[in-house]
Amino acid sequence: MTLLRGSAGAITFGLIGYLFLVEIVSGILQGFYVPLIPDLVEHLGIRDADFNWFEAAQLLVAALSVPILAKLGDMYGHKRILLVSTVLTAGATWWLAFAGDFTSFLVAWSLQAFYTVWLPLEIALIFDRGRRTGTAASATRKAAGFLVVALQSGAIVGALLGGRIFAAFDENVTLTLMVPAVAVTLVFFAILFGVPESQPLPGRSLDAVGFGLLSLGLLLITAGLTFLRITGPESWWVYALMVAGVLVFVPWARYELRKDDPAIDLRVMRQPNMWPVQLTAALIGISLLGAQAPLATFAGTDREEVGYGLSLDATDISYLIGAYLVSLIVGALLFPLLSRLTTPRVALIVAAFAVAIGYALFLPFHDTVVHVFTNMIVAGLGAGALVGALPAAAAAAAPRGQTGIATAMTNTTKTIGGSFASSVFAVLLAVGATQLVGSTASSLFGYLTVFSICAGGALVAAVLLFLVPKLAFADADVAREAVPTTTL
């Protein structure tokens, strides 16, 4: 079976199968450690709040490394850099298993972020593989849907296995953490023997100055957002960090526009079929990455104590999150079908509206499990479609030789949007906290504000996508057929 036929560069079912394995492992890395967090805190002898540093550091490394690795993939081959990032991830994951103190665990956890470049590199590799067939865009959308299914399935499997393996190994942390390390090591060989190399353009160079300035700006912004969440809104210097980061992009943009082979080709990024996609990724990151913690804490809030919430325990919350992850899978599978029935642009708009509607429903309907379940399913269908569709759309809009960096930028902007939202939401919920019966719970107004921001961000994304040309992201032959011909 092939997704594309009639070409030596066809996107085969076998290729997708090997990349499917890679994304299952990526999902396992995202889900495996979550149920182990209380035990890891005890193992390292730290406080619960200290675990925030691990998440913040990993997001920072991801934001800095993904664009550079993706550019190297465009230059030297996406498979080669996929292998390099897998080796780095495997090394960090093995180190994590044997790290016994806060500092070494923090460094290892941070370096594990190299796996975040896997999906952008896979999308770029798939698109490059099918570019010569004329139907690479539609096949890449379909393949991206399968990869998102693998990613979310792996997250579910990882979350289910983490606690069970820990118990089976008699609560031995080292043996338990060796399991994901073995998985990453094995997937290296799946890539090595099962994935063909892409065809990079010769004569490319790495814009070290451009990437240096880009990294500096991202470092300052993400560091400011991280410290805003940790230290609170009273620290003036966190805002100075973020402003300085934004200002760095002024000389960076001027420098990049003068380069023939820049780190990020801003001429491509400002095209009407590209910039709305990148902004949409940032806006969807608000809800996809930033709303996870508020949703969990809202579901766990004791209704009898504060007058709202669902009073769910950890097990019931895990079921709710599991249902949300399943809706992401369904959304990813439905997107290619909707794209065929309409157009990719319309499908993206519909998906963004679904996210907006899902979170907007929280405003009037948040009192019962059925309410929250329904809202999360609606939002999850849209978010699942967008997770794979946005990098695939960026790949379709990018010229040859820039597929990897274009797909990677959707990941970077999504991470920045999520980091921004996570920091702002933490402040909103902390400021609105109310003391009742000796426990601290955020106010209902704070939660509704969070859900409103998520809905508003997705709504703005849907509106921006209307600015994309009608046949953007369509296959080359479809676009040609839509162009009217004149007879002289």
Protein backbone atom coordinates (compact mmCIF):
# COMPACT_ATOMS: atom_id res chain seq x y z
CA MET A 1 0.00 0.00 0.00
CA THR A 2 1.24 3.51 -0.73
CA LEU A 3 -0.09 6.89 0.10
CA LEU A 4 1.45 8.16 -3.10
CA ARG A 5 1.98 5.97 -6.15
CA GLY A 6 3.84 6.15 -9.40
CA SER A 7 7.10 7.66 -8.23
CA ALA A 8 10.38 6.42 -6.87
CA GLY A 9 9.93 9.11 -4.24
CA ALA A 10 6.55 7.80 -3.14
CA ILE A 11 5.42 8.21 0.44
CA THR A 12 4.98 4.56 1.38
CA PHE A 13 2.97 2.96 4.14
CA GLY A 14 6.24 1.46 5.39
CA LEU A 15 7.82 4.90 5.78
CA ILE A 16 4.82 6.15 7.75
CA GLY A 17 4.96 2.98 9.85
CA TYR A 18 8.53 3.62 10.98
CA LEU A 19 7.77 7.27 11.74
CA PHE A 20 4.64 6.10 13.56
CA LEU A 21 6.94 4.22 15.93
CA VAL A 22 9.02 7.35 16.46
CA GLU A 23 5.96 9.37 17.44
CA ILE A 24 4.70 6.65 19.78
CA VAL A 25 8.00 6.97 21.64
CA SER A 26 7.65 10.77 21.58
CA GLY A 27 4.23 10.39 23.19
CA ILE A 28 5.60 7.95 25.77
CA LEU A 29 8.22 10.54 26.77
CA GLN A 30 5.44 13.09 27.27
CA GLY A 31 3.15 10.83 29.29
CA PHE A 32 5.41 8.41 31.16
CA TYR A 33 6.76 10.79 33.80
CA VAL A 34 3.48 12.53 34.71
CA PRO A 35 2.17 9.93 37.22
CA LEU A 36 5.69 9.62 38.65
CA ILE A 37 6.10 13.30 39.56
CA PRO A 38 5.32 12.89 43.31
CA ASP A 39 7.75 9.97 43.53
CA LEU A 40 10.43 11.84 41.58
CA VAL A 41 10.07 14.79 43.96
CA GLU A 42 10.63 12.45 46.89
CA HIS A 43 13.50 10.68 45.11
CA LEU A 44 15.34 13.96 44.50
CA GLY A 45 14.54 15.40 47.92
CA ILE A 46 12.94 18.56 46.53
CA ARG A 47 9.63 20.39 46.95
CA ASP A 48 6.65 19.99 44.62
CA ALA A 49 7.08 23.56 43.36
CA ASP A 50 10.69 22.84 42.34
CA PHE A 51 9.44 20.51 39.62
CA ASN A 52 8.31 23.62 37.69
CA TRP A 53 11.97 24.26 36.93
CA PHE A 54 12.20 21.03 34.96
CA GLU A 55 9.27 21.95 32.72
CA ALA A 56 10.51 25.51 32.25
CA ALA A 57 14.05 24.42 31.36
CA GLN A 58 12.83 21.82 28.86
CA LEU A 59 10.57 24.36 27.13
CA LEU A 60 13.51 26.75 26.92
CA VAL A 61 15.83 24.17 25.34
CA ALA A 62 13.08 23.17 22.91
CA ALA A 63 12.47 26.75 21.82
CA LEU A 64 16.20 27.32 21.23
CA SER A 65 17.14 24.00 19.61
CA VAL A 66 14.24 23.17 17.30
CA PRO A 67 14.83 25.94 14.69
CA ILE A 68 18.56 25.20 14.50
CA LEU A 69 18.13 21.43 14.17
CA ALA A 70 15.40 21.89 11.55
CA LYS A 71 17.64 24.19 9.52
CA LEU A 72 20.43 21.62 9.72
CA GLY A 73 17.91 19.08 8.42
CA ASP A 74 17.23 21.29 5.40
CA MET A 75 20.98 21.57 4.84
CA TYR A 76 22.24 18.03 5.43
CA GLY A 77 19.16 15.80 5.24
CA HIS A 78 16.21 15.45 7.58
CA LYS A 79 16.88 11.79 8.38
CA ARG A 80 20.47 12.56 9.42
CA ILE A 81 19.38 15.25 11.88
CA LEU A 82 16.51 13.05 13.07
CA LEU A 83 19.13 10.44 13.97
CA VAL A 84 21.32 13.04 15.69
CA SER A 85 18.40 14.37 17.75
CA THR A 86 17.44 10.80 18.69
CA VAL A 87 20.98 10.06 19.91
CA LEU A 88 20.92 13.26 22.00
CA THR A 89 17.49 12.40 23.39
CA ALA A 90 18.56 8.84 24.20
CA GLY A 91 21.68 10.08 25.98
CA ALA A 92 19.64 12.53 28.06
CA THR A 93 17.01 9.88 28.87
CA TRP A 94 19.64 7.39 30.05
CA TRP A 95 21.28 10.13 32.12
CA LEU A 96 17.86 10.90 33.63
CA ALA A 97 17.57 7.30 34.84
CA PHE A 98 20.78 7.57 36.86
CA ALA A 99 20.50 11.23 37.96
CA GLY A 100 20.14 11.34 41.71
CA ASP A 101 20.27 15.04 42.52
CA PHE A 102 18.39 18.16 41.46
CA THR A 103 21.08 19.69 39.25
CA SER A 104 21.94 16.63 37.18
CA PHE A 105 18.25 15.73 36.83
CA LEU A 106 17.51 19.29 35.67
CA VAL A 107 20.24 19.19 33.02
CA ALA A 108 19.21 15.74 31.77
CA TRP A 109 15.51 16.67 31.71
CA SER A 110 16.33 19.84 29.77
CA LEU A 111 18.42 18.04 27.15
CA GLN A 112 15.64 15.52 26.64
CA ALA A 113 13.83 18.37 24.84
CA PHE A 114 15.65 17.45 21.62
CA TYR A 115 12.79 15.05 20.90
CA THR A 116 10.53 18.04 20.19
CA VAL A 117 12.15 18.42 16.77
CA TRP A 118 11.09 14.92 15.70
CA LEU A 119 7.62 15.82 14.37
CA PRO A 120 8.78 18.87 12.34
CA LEU A 121 11.62 16.82 10.82
CA GLU A 122 9.25 13.95 10.01
CA ILE A 123 6.75 16.27 8.31
CA ALA A 124 9.56 17.87 6.31
CA LEU A 125 10.96 14.47 5.35
CA ILE A 126 7.55 13.19 4.25
CA PHE A 127 6.80 16.31 2.21
CA ASP A 128 10.23 16.28 0.58
CA ARG A 129 9.78 12.59 -0.24
CA GLY A 130 6.55 13.24 -2.11
CA ARG A 131 7.29 16.68 -3.58
CA ARG A 132 7.94 15.32 -7.10
CA THR A 133 4.56 13.60 -7.32
CA GLY A 134 2.42 16.75 -7.32
CA THR A 135 0.24 15.43 -4.48
CA ALA A 136 2.68 15.80 -1.60
CA ALA A 137 0.46 18.29 0.26
CA SER A 138 -2.56 15.99 0.63
CA ALA A 139 -0.41 12.94 1.39
CA THR A 140 1.51 14.88 4.02
CA ARG A 141 -1.73 15.97 5.68
CA LYS A 142 -2.85 12.35 5.83
CA ALA A 143 0.52 11.21 7.14
CA ALA A 144 0.56 14.03 9.72
CA GLY A 145 -2.80 12.82 10.99
CA PHE A 146 -1.41 9.33 11.50
CA LEU A 147 1.63 10.74 13.29
CA VAL A 148 -0.56 12.75 15.67
CA VAL A 149 -2.53 9.54 16.38
CA ALA A 150 0.77 7.88 17.28
CA LEU A 151 1.85 10.83 19.43
CA GLN A 152 -1.36 10.96 21.46
CA SER A 153 -1.60 7.15 21.69
CA GLY A 154 1.95 7.08 23.01
CA ALA A 155 1.07 9.73 25.59
CA ILE A 156 -1.87 7.62 26.79
CA VAL A 157 0.26 4.46 26.89
CA GLY A 158 3.06 6.28 28.69
CA ALA A 159 0.72 7.71 31.32
CA LEU A 160 -0.83 4.28 31.92
CA LEU A 161 2.52 2.46 32.05
CA GLY A 162 4.50 4.88 34.21
CA GLY A 163 2.84 4.14 37.53
CA ARG A 164 2.36 0.45 36.80
CA ILE A 165 6.01 -0.14 35.86
CA PHE A 166 7.09 1.80 38.96
CA ALA A 167 5.00 -0.54 41.11
CA ALA A 168 6.19 -3.65 39.22
CA PHE A 169 9.83 -2.65 39.85
CA ASP A 170 9.12 -2.31 43.57
CA GLU A 171 9.26 1.51 43.31
CA ASN A 172 12.83 1.51 42.00
CA VAL A 173 13.20 4.88 40.25
CA THR A 174 16.30 3.99 38.23
CA LEU A 175 14.86 0.77 36.77
CA THR A 176 11.57 2.55 36.00
CA LEU A 177 13.25 5.45 34.17
CA MET A 178 15.33 3.02 32.12
CA VAL A 179 12.18 1.93 30.27
CA PRO A 180 11.74 5.13 28.20
CA ALA A 181 15.52 5.19 27.66
CA VAL A 182 15.35 1.72 26.08
CA ALA A 183 12.42 2.85 23.92
CA VAL A 184 14.32 5.87 22.56
CA THR A 185 17.39 3.72 21.90
CA LEU A 186 15.37 1.17 19.92
CA VAL A 187 13.63 3.81 17.84
CA PHE A 188 17.06 5.01 16.66
CA PHE A 189 17.42 1.75 14.76
CA ALA A 190 13.91 2.08 13.32
CA ILE A 191 14.96 5.41 11.81
CA LEU A 192 18.37 4.14 10.71
CA PHE A 193 17.07 1.11 8.80
CA GLY A 194 13.52 2.10 7.89
CA VAL A 195 13.52 5.78 6.94
CA PRO A 196 14.96 7.03 3.61
CA GLU A 197 16.91 10.27 3.44
CA SER A 198 15.53 13.47 1.95
CA GLN A 199 17.31 15.42 -0.79
CA PRO A 200 18.78 18.63 0.62
CA LEU A 201 19.73 21.51 -1.63
CA PRO A 202 23.52 21.78 -2.08
CA GLY A 203 25.50 24.88 -1.27
CA ARG A 204 23.60 25.88 1.88
CA SER A 205 25.21 27.56 4.88
CA LEU A 206 24.28 27.99 8.54
CA ASP A 207 23.60 31.60 9.45
CA ALA A 208 25.36 31.56 12.81
CA VAL A 209 24.80 35.27 13.54
CA GLY A 210 21.10 35.03 12.63
CA PHE A 211 20.56 31.99 14.82
CA GLY A 212 22.56 33.61 17.61
CA LEU A 213 20.31 36.68 17.64
CA LEU A 214 17.20 34.51 17.30
CA SER A 215 18.30 32.35 20.24
CA LEU A 216 19.06 35.42 22.35
CA GLY A 217 15.61 36.87 21.72
CA LEU A 218 13.86 33.58 22.44
CA LEU A 219 16.02 33.06 25.55
CA LEU A 220 15.08 36.43 27.00
CA ILE A 221 11.36 36.06 26.23
CA THR A 222 10.98 32.49 27.49
CA ALA A 223 13.15 33.21 30.56
CA GLY A 224 10.96 36.22 31.37
CA LEU A 225 7.80 34.13 31.01
CA THR A 226 9.26 31.38 33.18
CA PHE A 227 10.25 33.74 35.99
CA LEU A 228 6.87 35.49 35.73
CA ARG A 229 5.21 32.19 36.57
CA ILE A 230 7.66 31.38 39.36
CA THR A 231 8.21 34.76 41.04
CA GLY A 232 4.84 36.35 40.31
CA PRO A 233 3.82 39.62 38.66
CA GLU A 234 5.49 41.86 41.28
CA SER A 235 9.01 41.36 39.86
CA TRP A 236 9.58 44.24 37.43
CA TRP A 237 12.69 42.69 35.92
CA VAL A 238 10.75 39.81 34.33
CA TYR A 239 8.97 42.34 32.12
CA ALA A 240 12.32 43.95 31.29
CA LEU A 241 13.60 40.55 30.12
CA MET A 242 10.63 40.07 27.80
CA VAL A 243 10.84 43.60 26.37
CA ALA A 244 14.56 43.14 25.76
CA GLY A 245 13.82 39.88 23.97
CA VAL A 246 11.29 41.55 21.68
CA LEU A 247 13.71 44.39 20.92
CA VAL A 248 16.39 41.90 19.86
CA PHE A 249 14.17 40.90 16.94
CA VAL A 250 14.45 44.38 15.39
CA PRO A 251 18.17 44.16 14.45
CA TRP A 252 17.71 40.43 13.81
CA ALA A 253 15.00 41.08 11.20
CA ARG A 254 17.08 43.74 9.46
CA TYR A 255 20.07 41.43 9.36
CA GLU A 256 18.05 38.47 8.04
CA LEU A 257 16.53 40.52 5.20
CA ARG A 258 20.04 41.31 3.95
CA LYS A 259 21.15 37.66 3.90
CA ASP A 260 20.87 35.45 0.81
CA ASP A 261 20.60 32.31 2.96
CA PRO A 262 19.23 33.53 6.32
CA ALA A 263 18.48 31.53 9.43
CA ILE A 264 14.76 32.31 8.97
CA ASP A 265 13.73 33.61 5.54
CA LEU A 266 11.39 36.43 6.54
CA ARG A 267 10.41 36.92 2.91
CA VAL A 268 8.87 33.46 3.01
CA MET A 269 7.42 33.94 6.49
CA ARG A 270 5.53 37.09 5.48
CA GLN A 271 3.76 35.44 2.55
CA PRO A 272 -0.07 35.27 2.90
CA ASN A 273 -0.04 31.46 3.00
CA MET A 274 2.59 31.35 5.75
CA TRP A 275 2.28 34.08 8.38
CA PRO A 276 -1.34 33.25 9.35
CA VAL A 277 -0.26 29.63 9.89
CA GLN A 278 2.59 30.65 12.18
CA LEU A 279 0.40 33.04 14.17
CA THR A 280 -2.30 30.37 14.41
CA ALA A 281 0.24 27.98 15.92
CA ALA A 282 1.07 30.56 18.61
CA LEU A 283 -2.60 31.28 19.33
CA ILE A 284 -3.56 27.60 19.51
CA GLY A 285 -0.58 27.00 21.80
CA ILE A 286 -2.40 29.17 24.35
CA SER A 287 -5.06 26.52 24.88
CA LEU A 288 -3.18 23.41 23.79
CA LEU A 289 -0.23 23.92 26.14
CA GLY A 290 -1.29 26.66 28.53
CA ALA A 291 -4.70 25.39 29.65
CA GLN A 292 -3.66 21.89 30.74
CA ALA A 293 -2.93 22.75 34.36
CA PRO A 294 -5.99 25.02 34.84
CA LEU A 295 -8.29 22.33 33.43
CA ALA A 296 -6.87 19.71 35.80
CA THR A 297 -7.05 21.95 38.88
CA PHE A 298 -10.58 23.11 37.99
CA ALA A 299 -11.72 19.50 37.73
CA GLY A 300 -10.11 18.67 41.07
CA THR A 301 -11.48 21.68 42.98
CA ASP A 302 -13.84 20.70 45.81
CA ARG A 303 -17.27 22.07 44.87
CA GLU A 304 -18.66 21.85 48.41
CA GLU A 305 -15.75 23.91 49.68
CA VAL A 306 -15.68 26.81 47.20
CA GLY A 307 -18.93 26.56 45.27
CA TYR A 308 -17.53 25.43 41.90
CA GLY A 309 -15.38 22.70 40.38
CA LEU A 310 -16.05 19.00 39.84
CA SER A 311 -14.58 17.49 43.04
CA LEU A 312 -12.81 14.77 41.03
CA ASP A 313 -9.94 12.71 42.42
CA ALA A 314 -6.73 11.97 40.52
CA THR A 315 -8.11 8.81 38.93
CA ASP A 316 -11.24 10.52 37.62
CA ILE A 317 -9.19 13.44 36.32
CA SER A 318 -7.00 10.98 34.41
CA TYR A 319 -10.13 9.58 32.74
CA LEU A 320 -11.19 13.09 31.74
CA ILE A 321 -7.74 13.83 30.31
CA GLY A 322 -7.77 10.46 28.55
CA ALA A 323 -11.07 11.33 26.85
CA TYR A 324 -9.54 14.65 25.75
CA LEU A 325 -6.53 12.86 24.26
CA VAL A 326 -8.84 10.49 22.38
CA SER A 327 -10.67 13.51 20.93
CA LEU A 328 -7.28 14.82 19.73
CA ILE A 329 -6.76 11.52 17.91
CA VAL A 330 -10.21 11.67 16.29
CA GLY A 331 -9.63 15.28 15.23
CA ALA A 332 -6.30 14.38 13.63
CA LEU A 333 -7.95 11.57 11.63
CA LEU A 334 -10.90 13.71 10.52
CA PHE A 335 -8.83 16.62 9.22
CA PRO A 336 -7.63 14.98 5.95
CA LEU A 337 -11.21 13.89 5.22
CA LEU A 338 -12.56 17.40 5.80
CA SER A 339 -9.76 18.81 3.63
CA ARG A 340 -10.84 16.55 0.74
CA LEU A 341 -14.50 17.46 1.14
CA THR A 342 -13.76 21.20 1.25
CA THR A 343 -10.25 22.69 1.02
CA PRO A 344 -7.30 22.59 3.46
CA ARG A 345 -7.87 26.27 4.25
CA VAL A 346 -11.53 25.72 5.14
CA ALA A 347 -10.62 22.68 7.23
CA LEU A 348 -8.10 24.75 9.20
CA ILE A 349 -10.72 27.44 9.81
CA VAL A 350 -13.27 24.88 10.99
CA ALA A 351 -10.72 23.33 13.35
CA ALA A 352 -9.81 26.71 14.85
CA PHE A 353 -13.50 27.55 15.35
CA ALA A 354 -13.98 24.18 17.11
CA VAL A 355 -11.30 25.11 19.64
CA ALA A 356 -12.88 28.53 20.15
CA ILE A 357 -16.37 27.06 20.61
CA GLY A 358 -15.13 24.37 23.00
CA TYR A 359 -13.56 26.88 25.38
CA ALA A 360 -16.36 29.43 24.96
CA LEU A 361 -18.81 26.75 26.14
CA PHE A 362 -17.05 26.79 29.52
CA LEU A 363 -18.48 30.24 30.23
CA PRO A 364 -22.14 29.13 30.54
CA PHE A 365 -21.55 25.39 31.03
CA HIS A 366 -19.02 24.36 33.69
CA ASP A 367 -21.07 22.96 36.56
CA THR A 368 -21.10 19.23 35.80
CA VAL A 369 -18.78 16.53 34.50
CA VAL A 370 -20.94 16.29 31.38
CA HIS A 371 -20.46 20.00 30.73
CA VAL A 372 -16.68 19.89 31.07
CA PHE A 373 -16.43 16.59 29.18
CA THR A 374 -18.42 18.00 26.24
CA ASN A 375 -16.43 21.23 26.15
CA MET A 376 -13.10 19.42 26.18
CA ILE A 377 -14.18 17.01 23.43
CA VAL A 378 -15.25 19.86 21.12
CA ALA A 379 -11.98 21.74 21.76
CA GLY A 380 -9.98 18.52 21.46
CA LEU A 381 -11.38 17.71 18.02
CA GLY A 382 -10.19 21.07 16.72
CA ALA A 383 -6.86 20.98 18.52
CA GLY A 384 -6.11 17.45 17.31
CA ALA A 385 -6.71 18.51 13.73
CA LEU A 386 -4.41 21.51 14.10
CA VAL A 387 -1.49 19.69 15.78
CA GLY A 388 -0.59 17.86 12.57
CA ALA A 389 -2.26 20.20 10.07
CA LEU A 390 -0.28 23.34 10.92
CA PRO A 391 3.22 21.91 10.29
CA ALA A 392 1.88 20.18 7.16
CA ALA A 393 0.44 23.50 5.96
CA ALA A 394 3.75 25.23 6.64
CA ALA A 395 5.56 22.54 4.65
CA ALA A 396 3.19 23.01 1.72
CA ALA A 397 3.76 26.78 1.78
CA ALA A 398 7.56 26.59 2.01
CA PRO A 399 9.90 26.51 -1.00
CA ARG A 400 12.24 23.58 -1.45
CA GLY A 401 15.13 23.75 0.98
CA GLN A 402 13.11 25.47 3.70
CA THR A 403 10.55 22.80 4.56
CA GLY A 404 12.18 21.82 7.85
CA ILE A 405 12.60 25.33 9.23
CA ALA A 406 9.04 26.27 8.20
CA THR A 407 7.53 23.30 10.01
CA ALA A 408 9.80 23.85 13.00
CA MET A 409 8.67 27.45 13.37
CA THR A 410 5.09 26.25 13.97
CA ASN A 411 6.49 24.26 16.89
CA THR A 412 8.48 27.23 18.20
CA THR A 413 5.60 29.70 17.96
CA LYS A 414 3.27 27.15 19.58
CA THR A 415 5.76 26.73 22.45
CA ILE A 416 6.03 30.50 22.93
CA GLY A 417 2.24 30.84 22.90
CA GLY A 418 1.93 28.05 25.44
CA SER A 419 4.66 29.49 27.68
CA PHE A 420 3.04 32.92 27.56
CA ALA A 421 -0.37 31.49 28.41
CA SER A 422 0.97 29.24 31.16
CA SER A 423 2.67 32.19 32.86
CA VAL A 424 -0.31 34.53 32.50
CA PHE A 425 -2.77 31.86 33.64
CA ALA A 426 -0.67 31.09 36.72
CA VAL A 427 -0.72 34.78 37.63
CA LEU A 428 -4.46 35.10 36.99
CA LEU A 429 -5.32 32.12 39.14
CA ALA A 430 -2.93 33.18 41.91
CA VAL A 431 -4.22 36.75 42.01
CA GLY A 432 -7.81 35.52 42.17
CA ALA A 433 -7.13 32.98 44.90
CA THR A 434 -9.55 32.86 47.77
CA GLN A 435 -8.97 31.37 51.19
CA LEU A 436 -11.72 28.98 52.29
CA VAL A 437 -11.72 26.33 55.03
CA GLY A 438 -7.95 26.54 55.38
CA SER A 439 -7.24 25.65 51.72
CA THR A 440 -6.37 27.78 48.74
CA ALA A 441 -8.41 27.65 45.54
CA SER A 442 -8.43 30.05 42.63
CA SER A 443 -11.57 32.07 42.01
CA LEU A 444 -14.19 31.03 39.49
CA PHE A 445 -13.68 34.37 37.76
CA GLY A 446 -10.02 33.52 37.30
CA TYR A 447 -10.86 30.21 35.64
CA LEU A 448 -13.49 31.79 33.41
CA THR A 449 -10.95 34.42 32.38
CA VAL A 450 -8.53 31.64 31.42
CA PHE A 451 -11.18 29.89 29.33
CA SER A 452 -12.14 33.21 27.71
CA ILE A 453 -8.53 33.86 26.68
CA CYS A 454 -8.29 30.36 25.18
CA ALA A 455 -11.52 30.89 23.23
CA GLY A 456 -10.47 34.37 22.11
CA GLY A 457 -7.08 33.20 20.90
CA ALA A 458 -8.61 30.41 18.82
CA LEU A 459 -11.23 32.80 17.43
CA VAL A 460 -8.55 35.26 16.32
CA ALA A 461 -6.68 32.35 14.70
CA ALA A 462 -9.82 31.34 12.75
CA VAL A 463 -10.26 34.91 11.52
CA LEU A 464 -6.60 35.16 10.47
CA LEU A 465 -6.93 31.97 8.42
CA PHE A 466 -9.58 33.68 6.28
CA LEU A 467 -6.71 35.83 4.97
CA VAL A 468 -4.98 32.78 3.51
CA PRO A 469 -5.47 32.34 -0.27
CA LYS A 470 -8.37 29.99 -1.02
CA LEU A 471 -6.28 27.22 -2.60
CA ALA A 472 -3.29 27.47 -0.28
CA PHE A 473 -1.85 24.12 0.86
CA ALA A 474 -3.63 22.29 -1.99
CA ASP A 475 -1.80 19.81 -4.21
CA ALA A 476 0.00 21.28 -7.18
CA ASP A 477 -2.30 19.64 -9.71
CA VAL A 478 -5.41 20.90 -7.91
CA ALA A 479 -4.05 24.44 -7.84
CA ARG A 480 -3.23 24.29 -11.55
CA GLU A 481 -6.72 23.06 -12.41
CA ALA A 482 -8.24 25.99 -10.51
CA VAL A 483 -6.32 28.58 -12.48
CA PRO A 484 -8.52 29.85 -15.34
CA THR A 485 -7.03 29.62 -18.80
CA THR A 486 -7.52 32.11 -21.62
CA THR A 487 -7.41 31.52 -25.32
CA LEU A 488 -5.56 34.04 -27.39
